[in-house]
N, C-alpha and C. Protein backbone atom coordinates (compact mmCIF):
# COMPACT_ATOMS: atom_id res chain seq x y z
N VAL A 1 -76.46 -50.61 19.71
CA VAL A 1 -75.66 -49.98 18.65
C VAL A 1 -74.80 -51.05 18.00
N GLN A 2 -74.86 -51.07 16.69
CA GLN A 2 -74.04 -52.04 15.95
C GLN A 2 -73.37 -51.35 14.77
N LEU A 3 -72.15 -51.75 14.53
CA LEU A 3 -71.39 -51.24 13.40
C LEU A 3 -70.87 -52.42 12.60
N GLN A 4 -71.00 -52.34 11.31
CA GLN A 4 -70.55 -53.41 10.42
C GLN A 4 -69.64 -52.82 9.38
N ALA A 5 -68.36 -53.13 9.51
CA ALA A 5 -67.38 -52.62 8.55
C ALA A 5 -67.17 -53.62 7.42
N SER A 6 -66.89 -53.11 6.24
CA SER A 6 -66.64 -53.95 5.09
C SER A 6 -65.74 -53.21 4.11
N GLY A 7 -65.29 -53.94 3.10
CA GLY A 7 -64.51 -53.32 2.04
C GLY A 7 -63.02 -53.58 2.10
N GLY A 8 -62.57 -54.25 3.15
CA GLY A 8 -61.16 -54.57 3.22
C GLY A 8 -60.79 -55.65 2.22
N GLY A 9 -59.51 -55.87 2.10
CA GLY A 9 -59.03 -56.89 1.19
C GLY A 9 -57.57 -56.66 0.86
N LEU A 10 -57.17 -57.23 -0.24
CA LEU A 10 -55.78 -57.15 -0.68
C LEU A 10 -55.65 -56.10 -1.77
N ALA A 11 -54.68 -55.22 -1.61
CA ALA A 11 -54.41 -54.21 -2.61
C ALA A 11 -52.91 -54.14 -2.86
N GLN A 12 -52.55 -53.69 -4.02
CA GLN A 12 -51.15 -53.47 -4.33
C GLN A 12 -50.75 -52.07 -3.92
N ALA A 13 -49.48 -51.90 -3.65
CA ALA A 13 -48.97 -50.57 -3.33
C ALA A 13 -49.34 -49.60 -4.44
N GLY A 14 -49.83 -48.43 -4.04
CA GLY A 14 -50.29 -47.45 -5.00
C GLY A 14 -51.75 -47.56 -5.36
N GLY A 15 -52.37 -48.64 -4.92
CA GLY A 15 -53.77 -48.87 -5.24
C GLY A 15 -54.71 -48.19 -4.27
N SER A 16 -55.98 -48.53 -4.42
CA SER A 16 -57.02 -47.90 -3.61
C SER A 16 -58.00 -48.94 -3.09
N LEU A 17 -58.58 -48.62 -1.96
CA LEU A 17 -59.68 -49.38 -1.40
C LEU A 17 -60.66 -48.40 -0.76
N ARG A 18 -61.91 -48.81 -0.70
CA ARG A 18 -62.91 -47.99 -0.03
C ARG A 18 -63.58 -48.83 1.05
N LEU A 19 -63.44 -48.40 2.27
CA LEU A 19 -64.08 -49.08 3.39
C LEU A 19 -65.44 -48.45 3.66
N SER A 20 -66.36 -49.28 4.08
CA SER A 20 -67.69 -48.82 4.45
C SER A 20 -68.01 -49.30 5.86
N CYS A 21 -68.85 -48.54 6.52
CA CYS A 21 -69.28 -48.93 7.87
C CYS A 21 -70.75 -48.59 8.00
N ALA A 22 -71.56 -49.60 8.20
CA ALA A 22 -72.99 -49.42 8.40
C ALA A 22 -73.27 -49.34 9.90
N VAL A 23 -73.96 -48.29 10.30
CA VAL A 23 -74.23 -48.04 11.71
C VAL A 23 -75.72 -48.15 11.98
N SER A 24 -76.06 -48.86 13.02
CA SER A 24 -77.45 -48.92 13.45
C SER A 24 -77.53 -48.60 14.93
N GLY A 25 -78.58 -47.91 15.33
CA GLY A 25 -78.79 -47.59 16.73
C GLY A 25 -78.14 -46.31 17.21
N ALA A 26 -77.42 -45.63 16.35
CA ALA A 26 -76.77 -44.38 16.72
C ALA A 26 -76.62 -43.53 15.47
N SER A 27 -76.44 -42.24 15.68
CA SER A 27 -76.22 -41.37 14.54
C SER A 27 -74.76 -41.41 14.13
N VAL A 28 -74.47 -40.85 12.98
CA VAL A 28 -73.09 -40.78 12.49
C VAL A 28 -72.60 -39.34 12.47
N THR A 29 -73.10 -38.55 13.42
CA THR A 29 -72.65 -37.16 13.50
C THR A 29 -71.16 -37.10 13.85
N VAL A 30 -70.76 -37.95 14.78
CA VAL A 30 -69.35 -38.07 15.15
C VAL A 30 -68.91 -39.49 14.81
N VAL A 31 -67.92 -39.61 13.96
CA VAL A 31 -67.48 -40.92 13.50
C VAL A 31 -65.96 -40.94 13.41
N GLY A 32 -65.42 -42.14 13.49
CA GLY A 32 -63.98 -42.26 13.37
C GLY A 32 -63.56 -43.58 12.77
N TRP A 33 -62.39 -43.59 12.18
CA TRP A 33 -61.75 -44.81 11.71
C TRP A 33 -60.42 -44.96 12.45
N TYR A 34 -60.18 -46.14 12.92
CA TYR A 34 -58.92 -46.50 13.56
C TYR A 34 -58.34 -47.70 12.84
N ARG A 35 -57.07 -47.96 13.12
CA ARG A 35 -56.46 -49.17 12.57
C ARG A 35 -55.47 -49.73 13.57
N GLN A 36 -55.25 -51.02 13.44
CA GLN A 36 -54.28 -51.70 14.28
C GLN A 36 -53.46 -52.64 13.42
N ALA A 37 -52.20 -52.33 13.31
CA ALA A 37 -51.28 -53.17 12.55
C ALA A 37 -50.73 -54.26 13.46
N PRO A 38 -50.27 -55.35 12.89
CA PRO A 38 -49.71 -56.45 13.71
C PRO A 38 -48.61 -55.97 14.64
N GLY A 39 -48.75 -56.27 15.92
CA GLY A 39 -47.74 -55.90 16.88
C GLY A 39 -47.72 -54.45 17.30
N LYS A 40 -48.72 -53.70 16.84
CA LYS A 40 -48.77 -52.28 17.17
C LYS A 40 -50.07 -51.93 17.89
N GLU A 41 -50.09 -50.78 18.52
CA GLU A 41 -51.28 -50.32 19.19
C GLU A 41 -52.28 -49.75 18.16
N ARG A 42 -53.54 -49.74 18.56
CA ARG A 42 -54.56 -49.16 17.71
C ARG A 42 -54.33 -47.65 17.62
N GLU A 43 -54.47 -47.12 16.42
CA GLU A 43 -54.24 -45.69 16.22
C GLU A 43 -55.39 -45.07 15.44
N SER A 44 -55.60 -43.80 15.70
CA SER A 44 -56.63 -43.06 14.99
C SER A 44 -56.16 -42.76 13.58
N VAL A 45 -57.05 -42.95 12.62
CA VAL A 45 -56.74 -42.68 11.22
C VAL A 45 -57.45 -41.40 10.76
N ALA A 46 -58.75 -41.33 11.02
CA ALA A 46 -59.53 -40.19 10.57
C ALA A 46 -60.73 -40.03 11.49
N ARG A 47 -61.17 -38.80 11.61
CA ARG A 47 -62.29 -38.51 12.50
C ARG A 47 -63.10 -37.35 11.93
N MET A 48 -64.42 -37.48 12.04
CA MET A 48 -65.31 -36.42 11.60
C MET A 48 -66.28 -36.12 12.73
N VAL A 49 -66.42 -34.85 13.06
CA VAL A 49 -67.32 -34.46 14.13
C VAL A 49 -68.41 -33.56 13.57
N GLY A 50 -69.28 -33.09 14.43
CA GLY A 50 -70.37 -32.24 14.00
C GLY A 50 -69.88 -31.03 13.23
N GLY A 51 -70.64 -30.62 12.22
CA GLY A 51 -70.23 -29.51 11.39
C GLY A 51 -69.29 -29.92 10.28
N GLY A 52 -69.00 -31.21 10.23
CA GLY A 52 -68.15 -31.72 9.16
C GLY A 52 -66.67 -31.47 9.37
N ILE A 53 -66.29 -31.14 10.61
CA ILE A 53 -64.86 -30.91 10.89
C ILE A 53 -64.14 -32.26 10.87
N ILE A 54 -63.06 -32.31 10.12
CA ILE A 54 -62.34 -33.57 9.89
C ILE A 54 -60.89 -33.43 10.34
N SER A 55 -60.38 -34.51 10.89
CA SER A 55 -58.96 -34.57 11.22
C SER A 55 -58.41 -35.91 10.74
N TYR A 56 -57.16 -35.91 10.34
CA TYR A 56 -56.49 -37.11 9.85
C TYR A 56 -55.17 -37.29 10.56
N ALA A 57 -54.76 -38.54 10.67
CA ALA A 57 -53.41 -38.82 11.12
C ALA A 57 -52.44 -38.30 10.06
N ASP A 58 -51.30 -37.82 10.51
CA ASP A 58 -50.31 -37.28 9.56
C ASP A 58 -49.93 -38.31 8.50
N SER A 59 -49.92 -39.56 8.88
CA SER A 59 -49.47 -40.61 7.97
C SER A 59 -50.42 -40.86 6.81
N VAL A 60 -51.67 -40.38 6.91
CA VAL A 60 -52.64 -40.63 5.85
C VAL A 60 -53.14 -39.35 5.19
N LYS A 61 -52.72 -38.21 5.67
CA LYS A 61 -53.18 -36.94 5.09
C LYS A 61 -52.86 -36.88 3.60
N GLY A 62 -53.86 -36.46 2.84
CA GLY A 62 -53.68 -36.37 1.40
C GLY A 62 -53.91 -37.67 0.66
N ARG A 63 -54.07 -38.76 1.40
CA ARG A 63 -54.28 -40.07 0.76
C ARG A 63 -55.63 -40.67 1.13
N PHE A 64 -56.07 -40.44 2.35
CA PHE A 64 -57.32 -41.01 2.83
C PHE A 64 -58.37 -39.91 2.95
N THR A 65 -59.63 -40.29 2.73
CA THR A 65 -60.74 -39.35 2.85
C THR A 65 -61.89 -40.02 3.60
N ILE A 66 -62.29 -39.41 4.69
CA ILE A 66 -63.44 -39.89 5.45
C ILE A 66 -64.69 -39.15 4.99
N SER A 67 -65.78 -39.87 4.93
CA SER A 67 -67.05 -39.24 4.56
C SER A 67 -68.18 -39.99 5.24
N ARG A 68 -69.37 -39.45 5.16
CA ARG A 68 -70.52 -40.09 5.79
C ARG A 68 -71.78 -39.73 5.03
N ASP A 69 -72.75 -40.59 5.18
CA ASP A 69 -74.10 -40.34 4.70
C ASP A 69 -75.00 -40.41 5.94
N ILE A 70 -75.38 -39.25 6.44
CA ILE A 70 -76.11 -39.20 7.69
C ILE A 70 -77.45 -39.91 7.58
N ARG A 71 -78.13 -39.73 6.45
CA ARG A 71 -79.45 -40.34 6.32
C ARG A 71 -79.36 -41.86 6.30
N LYS A 72 -78.35 -42.39 5.61
CA LYS A 72 -78.18 -43.84 5.49
C LYS A 72 -77.41 -44.41 6.68
N ARG A 73 -76.85 -43.52 7.52
CA ARG A 73 -76.01 -43.96 8.64
C ARG A 73 -74.85 -44.82 8.16
N MET A 74 -74.20 -44.31 7.16
CA MET A 74 -73.04 -44.98 6.60
C MET A 74 -71.80 -44.09 6.75
N VAL A 75 -70.69 -44.71 6.99
CA VAL A 75 -69.41 -44.02 7.10
C VAL A 75 -68.45 -44.67 6.11
N TYR A 76 -67.63 -43.89 5.47
CA TYR A 76 -66.73 -44.39 4.45
C TYR A 76 -65.30 -43.91 4.71
N LEU A 77 -64.37 -44.71 4.21
CA LEU A 77 -62.97 -44.30 4.23
C LEU A 77 -62.39 -44.66 2.87
N GLN A 78 -62.17 -43.65 2.05
CA GLN A 78 -61.52 -43.84 0.77
C GLN A 78 -60.02 -43.79 0.98
N MET A 79 -59.35 -44.86 0.58
CA MET A 79 -57.92 -44.95 0.79
C MET A 79 -57.21 -45.05 -0.55
N ASP A 80 -56.42 -44.06 -0.87
CA ASP A 80 -55.68 -44.01 -2.11
C ASP A 80 -54.17 -44.05 -1.84
N SER A 81 -53.43 -44.31 -2.89
CA SER A 81 -51.96 -44.37 -2.78
C SER A 81 -51.54 -45.23 -1.61
N LEU A 82 -52.12 -46.40 -1.53
CA LEU A 82 -51.84 -47.29 -0.42
C LEU A 82 -50.39 -47.75 -0.42
N SER A 83 -49.87 -47.96 0.77
CA SER A 83 -48.51 -48.48 0.93
C SER A 83 -48.56 -49.67 1.89
N PRO A 84 -47.55 -50.52 1.87
CA PRO A 84 -47.53 -51.67 2.80
C PRO A 84 -47.69 -51.24 4.26
N GLU A 85 -47.28 -50.03 4.58
CA GLU A 85 -47.42 -49.53 5.95
C GLU A 85 -48.88 -49.31 6.35
N ASP A 86 -49.78 -49.34 5.40
CA ASP A 86 -51.20 -49.20 5.69
C ASP A 86 -51.86 -50.53 6.04
N THR A 87 -51.11 -51.60 5.95
CA THR A 87 -51.65 -52.92 6.29
C THR A 87 -52.05 -52.95 7.76
N ALA A 88 -53.31 -53.27 8.00
CA ALA A 88 -53.84 -53.27 9.36
C ALA A 88 -55.29 -53.73 9.33
N VAL A 89 -55.83 -53.97 10.51
CA VAL A 89 -57.27 -54.15 10.65
C VAL A 89 -57.85 -52.76 10.91
N TYR A 90 -58.84 -52.39 10.15
CA TYR A 90 -59.45 -51.08 10.25
C TYR A 90 -60.81 -51.19 10.97
N TYR A 91 -61.02 -50.28 11.89
CA TYR A 91 -62.24 -50.27 12.70
C TYR A 91 -62.95 -48.93 12.57
N CYS A 92 -64.27 -48.98 12.50
CA CYS A 92 -65.05 -47.75 12.59
C CYS A 92 -65.61 -47.65 14.00
N THR A 93 -65.86 -46.43 14.42
CA THR A 93 -66.35 -46.20 15.77
C THR A 93 -67.26 -44.99 15.82
N VAL A 94 -68.27 -45.08 16.68
CA VAL A 94 -69.14 -43.95 16.95
C VAL A 94 -69.40 -43.89 18.45
N PRO A 95 -69.55 -42.68 18.98
CA PRO A 95 -69.90 -42.54 20.40
C PRO A 95 -71.42 -42.54 20.56
N TYR A 96 -71.86 -43.09 21.68
CA TYR A 96 -73.29 -43.06 21.95
C TYR A 96 -73.50 -43.13 23.45
N ARG A 97 -74.10 -42.11 23.98
CA ARG A 97 -74.41 -42.04 25.41
C ARG A 97 -73.20 -42.34 26.27
N GLY A 98 -72.10 -41.72 25.92
CA GLY A 98 -70.91 -41.80 26.75
C GLY A 98 -70.00 -42.98 26.48
N TYR A 99 -70.39 -43.84 25.58
CA TYR A 99 -69.55 -44.99 25.25
C TYR A 99 -69.14 -44.92 23.78
N ASP A 100 -67.99 -45.50 23.50
CA ASP A 100 -67.54 -45.64 22.12
C ASP A 100 -67.84 -47.05 21.64
N TYR A 101 -68.58 -47.14 20.56
CA TYR A 101 -68.93 -48.43 19.99
C TYR A 101 -68.06 -48.69 18.76
N TRP A 102 -67.67 -49.96 18.62
CA TRP A 102 -66.73 -50.35 17.58
C TRP A 102 -67.31 -51.42 16.69
N GLY A 103 -66.93 -51.35 15.42
CA GLY A 103 -67.25 -52.44 14.52
C GLY A 103 -66.27 -53.58 14.71
N GLN A 104 -66.47 -54.64 13.97
CA GLN A 104 -65.65 -55.84 14.15
C GLN A 104 -64.30 -55.75 13.45
N GLY A 105 -64.13 -54.75 12.62
CA GLY A 105 -62.86 -54.58 11.93
C GLY A 105 -62.86 -55.25 10.57
N THR A 106 -62.13 -54.66 9.67
CA THR A 106 -61.95 -55.24 8.33
C THR A 106 -60.48 -55.16 7.97
N LEU A 107 -59.94 -56.26 7.49
CA LEU A 107 -58.50 -56.38 7.25
C LEU A 107 -58.13 -55.79 5.90
N VAL A 108 -57.14 -54.93 5.93
CA VAL A 108 -56.56 -54.36 4.72
C VAL A 108 -55.11 -54.83 4.63
N THR A 109 -54.77 -55.46 3.53
CA THR A 109 -53.41 -55.92 3.30
C THR A 109 -52.89 -55.30 2.01
N VAL A 110 -51.77 -54.61 2.12
CA VAL A 110 -51.19 -53.94 0.96
C VAL A 110 -49.86 -54.61 0.64
N SER A 111 -49.76 -55.11 -0.55
CA SER A 111 -48.53 -55.78 -0.98
C SER A 111 -47.63 -54.81 -1.75
N SER A 112 -46.35 -55.05 -1.62
CA SER A 112 -45.38 -54.16 -2.29
C SER A 112 -45.08 -54.63 -3.70
């Protein structure tokens, strides 16, 4: 199982970025995005499970949108109204046979 995240970069406060995650070797029925800011623990940002049920961290509700393309095995995170507090390395993850697999992370930096 391999995950390749992309789409990070530098954005200004109020701007938008779209992260992508290409998954191979596993389905994207259950997918998640996490982030880890400097000096902080990794935290869940968004999660989608079977049936399209979605949950978001309170800090990103109304600003971030998780989506997936099951056929292409792609996962996306649309991030709008970005703030400097969103600066972090973002990781995608999928479960497979009892393990959680992670991508390498993509850095998002939001300037004020």
